C-alpha atoms as a PDB file:
ATOM      1  CA  MET A   1       0.975  34.121   6.174  1.00  0.00           C
ATOM      2  CA  THR A   2       2.222  30.593   6.887  1.00  0.00           C
ATOM      3  CA  SER A   3      -0.693  29.447   9.044  1.00  0.00           C
ATOM      4  CA  GLN A   4      -2.481  28.086   5.983  1.00  0.00           C
ATOM      5  CA  PHE A   5       0.726  26.279   4.959  1.00  0.00           C
ATOM      6  CA  LEU A   6       0.896  24.773   8.455  1.00  0.00           C
ATOM      7  CA  GLN A   7      -2.707  23.651   8.066  1.00  0.00           C
ATOM      8  CA  HIS A   8      -1.831  21.930   4.763  1.00  0.00           C
ATOM      9  CA  LEU A   9       1.097  20.129   6.384  1.00  0.00           C
ATOM     10  CA  THR A  10      -1.101  18.989   9.270  1.00  0.00           C
ATOM     11  CA  GLN A  11      -3.859  17.690   6.980  1.00  0.00           C
ATOM     12  CA  GLU A  12      -1.377  15.917   4.751  1.00  0.00           C
ATOM     13  CA  HIS A  13       0.293  14.309   7.772  1.00  0.00           C
ATOM     14  CA  ALA A  14      -3.068  13.020   9.043  1.00  0.00           C
ATOM     15  CA  ALA A  15      -3.831  11.498   5.633  1.00  0.00           C
ATOM     16  CA  VAL A  16      -0.412   9.821   5.475  1.00  0.00           C
ATOM     17  CA  GLU A  17      -0.944   8.375   8.967  1.00  0.00           C
ATOM     18  CA  ALA A  18      -4.324   6.977   7.824  1.00  0.00           C
ATOM     19  CA  PHE A  19      -2.576   5.473   4.783  1.00  0.00           C
ATOM     20  CA  ILE A  20       0.013   3.826   7.065  1.00  0.00           C
ATOM     21  CA  ALA A  21      -2.814   2.322   9.130  1.00  0.00           C
ATOM     22  CA  LEU A  22      -4.340   0.830   5.962  1.00  0.00           C
ATOM     23  CA  LEU A  23      -0.956  -0.570   4.931  1.00  0.00           C
ATOM     24  CA  ASP A  24      -0.657  -2.220   8.341  1.00  0.00           C
ATOM     25  CA  GLN A  25      -4.162  -3.704   7.993  1.00  0.00           C
ATOM     26  CA  GLU A  26      -3.221  -4.993   4.545  1.00  0.00           C
ATOM     27  CA  ALA A  27      -0.048  -6.626   5.899  1.00  0.00           C
ATOM     28  CA  GLU A  28      -1.949  -8.223   8.752  1.00  0.00           C
ATOM     29  CA  ALA A  29      -4.582  -9.593   6.367  1.00  0.00           C
ATOM     30  CA  MET A  30      -1.881 -11.192   4.220  1.00  0.00           C
ATOM     31  CA  GLN A  31      -0.014 -12.581   7.232  1.00  0.00           C
ATOM     32  CA  ARG A  32      -3.194 -14.160   8.579  1.00  0.00           C
ATOM     33  CA  GLY A  33      -4.311 -15.457   5.168  1.00  0.00           C
ATOM     34  CA  ARG A  34      -7.410 -13.217   5.121  1.00  0.00           C
ATOM     35  CA  PHE A  35      -7.142 -12.492   1.415  1.00  0.00           C
ATOM     36  CA  GLU A  36     -10.856 -11.756   1.150  1.00  0.00           C
ATOM     37  CA  ALA A  37     -10.203  -8.485   3.026  1.00  0.00           C
ATOM     38  CA  LEU A  38      -7.711  -7.237   0.432  1.00  0.00           C
ATOM     39  CA  PRO A  39     -10.125  -5.864  -2.214  1.00  0.00           C
ATOM     40  CA  GLY A  40     -11.822  -3.572   0.323  1.00  0.00           C
ATOM     41  CA  LEU A  41      -8.490  -2.419   1.718  1.00  0.00           C
ATOM     42  CA  THR A  42      -7.196  -1.787  -1.794  1.00  0.00           C
ATOM     43  CA  GLU A  43     -10.221   0.329  -2.611  1.00  0.00           C
ATOM     44  CA  ARG A  44      -9.793   2.366   0.577  1.00  0.00           C
ATOM     45  CA  LYS A  45      -6.077   2.792  -0.172  1.00  0.00           C
ATOM     46  CA  SER A  46      -6.896   4.009  -3.676  1.00  0.00           C
ATOM     47  CA  HIS A  47      -9.311   6.640  -2.355  1.00  0.00           C
ATOM     48  CA  LEU A  48      -6.806   7.754   0.248  1.00  0.00           C
ATOM     49  CA  ALA A  49      -4.015   7.927  -2.359  1.00  0.00           C
ATOM     50  CA  ASP A  50      -6.255  10.222  -4.422  1.00  0.00           C
ATOM     51  CA  ARG A  51      -6.807  12.381  -1.329  1.00  0.00           C
ATOM     52  CA  LEU A  52      -3.074  12.498  -0.672  1.00  0.00           C
ATOM     53  CA  ALA A  53      -2.424  13.616  -4.248  1.00  0.00           C
ATOM     54  CA  LEU A  54      -5.012  16.378  -3.882  1.00  0.00           C
ATOM     55  CA  LEU A  55      -3.533  17.535  -0.574  1.00  0.00           C
ATOM     56  CA  GLY A  56      -0.066  17.550  -2.105  1.00  0.00           C
ATOM     57  CA  ARG A  57      -1.251  19.714  -5.004  1.00  0.00           C
ATOM     58  CA  GLN A  58      -2.970  22.086  -2.580  1.00  0.00           C
ATOM     59  CA  ARG A  59       0.217  22.361  -0.515  1.00  0.00           C
ATOM     60  CA  GLU A  60       2.259  23.051  -3.653  1.00  0.00           C
ATOM     61  CA  ASN A  61      -0.240  25.710  -4.749  1.00  0.00           C
ATOM     62  CA  GLU A  62       0.092  27.319  -1.324  1.00  0.00           C
ATOM     63  CA  GLN A  63       3.881  27.255  -1.655  1.00  0.00           C
ATOM     64  CA  MET A  64       3.627  29.071  -4.984  1.00  0.00           C
ATOM     65  CA  ARG A  65       1.153  31.561  -3.525  1.00  0.00           C
ATOM     66  CA  LEU A  66       3.738  32.288  -0.857  1.00  0.00           C
ATOM     67  CA  GLY A  67       6.392  32.903  -3.514  1.00  0.00           C
ATOM     68  CA  GLN A  68       8.187  29.575  -3.418  1.00  0.00           C
ATOM     69  CA  ARG A  69       8.659  26.756  -5.880  1.00  0.00           C
ATOM     70  CA  ALA A  70       6.182  23.858  -5.809  1.00  0.00           C
ATOM     71  CA  ASP A  71       8.771  21.298  -4.767  1.00  0.00           C
ATOM     72  CA  ARG A  72      10.611  20.052  -1.711  1.00  0.00           C
ATOM     73  CA  GLN A  73      13.117  22.905  -1.800  1.00  0.00           C
ATOM     74  CA  GLY A  74      10.281  25.442  -1.848  1.00  0.00           C
ATOM     75  CA  ALA A  75       8.654  23.791   1.152  1.00  0.00           C
ATOM     76  CA  GLU A  76      11.928  23.672   3.040  1.00  0.00           C
ATOM     77  CA  THR A  77      12.525  27.376   2.344  1.00  0.00           C
ATOM     78  CA  LEU A  78       9.108  28.176   3.832  1.00  0.00           C
ATOM     79  CA  VAL A  79       9.758  25.913   6.795  1.00  0.00           C
ATOM     80  CA  ALA A  80      13.172  27.468   7.459  1.00  0.00           C
ATOM     81  CA  GLY A  81      11.632  30.921   7.729  1.00  0.00           C
ATOM     82  CA  GLY A  82       8.454  29.878   9.512  1.00  0.00           C
ATOM     83  CA  GLY A  83       9.539  28.899  12.995  1.00  0.00           C
ATOM     84  CA  ALA A  84       9.300  25.802  15.145  1.00  0.00           C
ATOM     85  CA  PRO A  85       5.653  24.838  14.439  1.00  0.00           C
ATOM     86  CA  LEU A  86       6.287  24.641  10.680  1.00  0.00           C
ATOM     87  CA  LYS A  87       9.546  22.754  11.145  1.00  0.00           C
ATOM     88  CA  THR A  88       7.863  20.249  13.459  1.00  0.00           C
ATOM     89  CA  ALA A  89       4.931  19.738  11.063  1.00  0.00           C
ATOM     90  CA  TRP A  90       7.261  19.348   8.061  1.00  0.00           C
ATOM     91  CA  ASP A  91       9.527  16.889   9.886  1.00  0.00           C
ATOM     92  CA  ARG A  92       6.512  14.833  11.003  1.00  0.00           C
ATOM     93  CA  LEU A  93       5.121  14.759   7.456  1.00  0.00           C
ATOM     94  CA  ARG A  94       8.444  13.701   5.953  1.00  0.00           C
ATOM     95  CA  ALA A  95       8.947  10.988   8.587  1.00  0.00           C
ATOM     96  CA  ALA A  96       5.427   9.637   8.029  1.00  0.00           C
ATOM     97  CA  ALA A  97       5.922   9.688   4.246  1.00  0.00           C
ATOM     98  CA  ALA A  98       9.151   7.681   4.640  1.00  0.00           C
ATOM     99  CA  GLN A  99       7.347   5.210   6.903  1.00  0.00           C
ATOM    100  CA  ALA A 100       4.493   4.850   4.387  1.00  0.00           C
ATOM    101  CA  HIS A 101       7.015   4.238   1.602  1.00  0.00           C
ATOM    102  CA  GLU A 102       8.764   1.503   3.616  1.00  0.00           C
ATOM    103  CA  ARG A 103       5.517  -0.222   4.568  1.00  0.00           C
ATOM    104  CA  ASN A 104       4.171  -0.031   1.032  1.00  0.00           C
ATOM    105  CA  HIS A 105       7.400  -1.675  -0.166  1.00  0.00           C
ATOM    106  CA  ARG A 106       7.070  -4.364   2.525  1.00  0.00           C
ATOM    107  CA  ASN A 107       3.524  -5.125   1.396  1.00  0.00           C
ATOM    108  CA  GLY A 108       4.618  -5.239  -2.231  1.00  0.00           C
ATOM    109  CA  VAL A 109       7.267  -7.821  -1.338  1.00  0.00           C
ATOM    110  CA  MET A 110       4.639  -9.869   0.523  1.00  0.00           C
ATOM    111  CA  ILE A 111       2.271  -9.729  -2.448  1.00  0.00           C
ATOM    112  CA  HIS A 112       4.969 -10.806  -4.889  1.00  0.00           C
ATOM    113  CA  THR A 113       6.033 -13.619  -2.565  1.00  0.00           C
ATOM    114  CA  HIS A 114       2.449 -14.931  -2.482  1.00  0.00           C
ATOM    115  CA  LEU A 115       2.184 -14.612  -6.259  1.00  0.00           C
ATOM    116  CA  ASP A 116       5.466 -16.457  -6.791  1.00  0.00           C
ATOM    117  CA  PHE A 117       4.359 -19.248  -4.465  1.00  0.00           C
ATOM    118  CA  THR A 118       1.025 -19.537  -6.294  1.00  0.00           C
ATOM    119  CA  ARG A 119       2.745 -19.607  -9.691  1.00  0.00           C
ATOM    120  CA  GLN A 120       5.199 -22.262  -8.517  1.00  0.00           C
ATOM    121  CA  SER A 121       2.356 -24.365  -7.142  1.00  0.00           C
ATOM    122  CA  ILE A 122       0.454 -24.139 -10.420  1.00  0.00           C
ATOM    123  CA  ASN A 123       3.567 -25.013 -12.411  1.00  0.00           C
ATOM    124  CA  GLN A 124       4.246 -27.976 -10.155  1.00  0.00           C
ATOM    125  CA  LEU A 125       0.700 -29.241 -10.666  1.00  0.00           C
ATOM    126  CA  LYS A 126       1.101 -28.883 -14.433  1.00  0.00           C
ATOM    127  CA  ALA A 127       4.569 -30.456 -14.523  1.00  0.00           C
ATOM    128  CA  SER A 128       3.347 -34.029 -14.780  1.00  0.00           C
ATOM    129  CA  GLY A 129       1.558 -33.275 -18.024  1.00  0.00           C
ATOM    130  CA  LYS A 130      -1.716 -34.430 -16.536  1.00  0.00           C
ATOM    131  CA  PRO A 131      -3.907 -32.162 -14.464  1.00  0.00           C
ATOM    132  CA  LEU A 132      -4.241 -33.097 -10.813  1.00  0.00           C
ATOM    133  CA  TYR A 133      -7.996 -32.556 -11.009  1.00  0.00           C
ATOM    134  CA  GLY A 134     -10.298 -33.393 -13.877  1.00  0.00           C
ATOM    135  CA  PRO A 135     -12.978 -31.128 -15.359  1.00  0.00           C
ATOM    136  CA  ASP A 136     -15.478 -32.568 -12.887  1.00  0.00           C
ATOM    137  CA  GLY A 137     -13.320 -31.456  -9.947  1.00  0.00           C
ATOM    138  CA  ASN A 138     -12.367 -35.005  -8.985  1.00  0.00           C
ATOM    139  CA  HIS A 139      -8.785 -36.036  -8.449  1.00  0.00           C
ATOM    140  CA  SER A 140      -7.350 -37.732 -11.490  1.00  0.00           C
ATOM    141  CA  SER A 141      -4.574 -40.198 -10.882  1.00  0.00           C
ATOM    142  CA  ARG A 142      -2.687 -42.889 -12.660  1.00  0.00           C
ATOM    143  CA  ALA A 143      -4.080 -45.502 -10.282  1.00  0.00           C
ATOM    144  CA  SER A 144      -6.651 -48.098 -11.247  1.00  0.00           C
ATOM    145  CA  GLY A 145      -9.533 -45.780 -10.552  1.00  0.00           C
ATOM    146  CA  ASN A 146     -10.760 -47.757  -7.558  1.00  0.00           C
ATOM    147  CA  SER A 147     -11.358 -45.387  -4.690  1.00  0.00           C
ATOM    148  CA  LEU A 148     -10.124 -46.363  -1.246  1.00  0.00           C
ATOM    149  CA  ALA A 149     -13.012 -44.375   0.184  1.00  0.00           C
ATOM    150  CA  SER A 150     -15.639 -46.514  -1.527  1.00  0.00           C
ATOM    151  CA  GLY A 151     -14.577 -49.592   0.358  1.00  0.00           C
END
């Protein structure tokens, strides 16, 4: 009766662990300044988030099929009456979900920190009223226009 529920918990846990691995790769890419890797990681995270949502709905449907509500309380009622394997699987899933939440928050803070730094840099460049670089990509300055590099 609960073996299918155990299977759902196990599959969901594996997907959450894969999501955590992607979050760690995302953090490492930002820490190392490898921002070109972020779009691919974001796409993979999006697909995995869709898979997690599907697995969650399937688990909730199984809970209802077993006569419980499709929420945390319903799952915990099933786990309480299902023995050690269900309790272990449920505890592992909840712990992994908490870890994923923390790491996702960490990455969000990192992203916002980078955005704030970029915005401040842009504002600082604009503060003088004159752009630092002209439309041709050359540095514009208030100097005489004679380049030290030209000799």
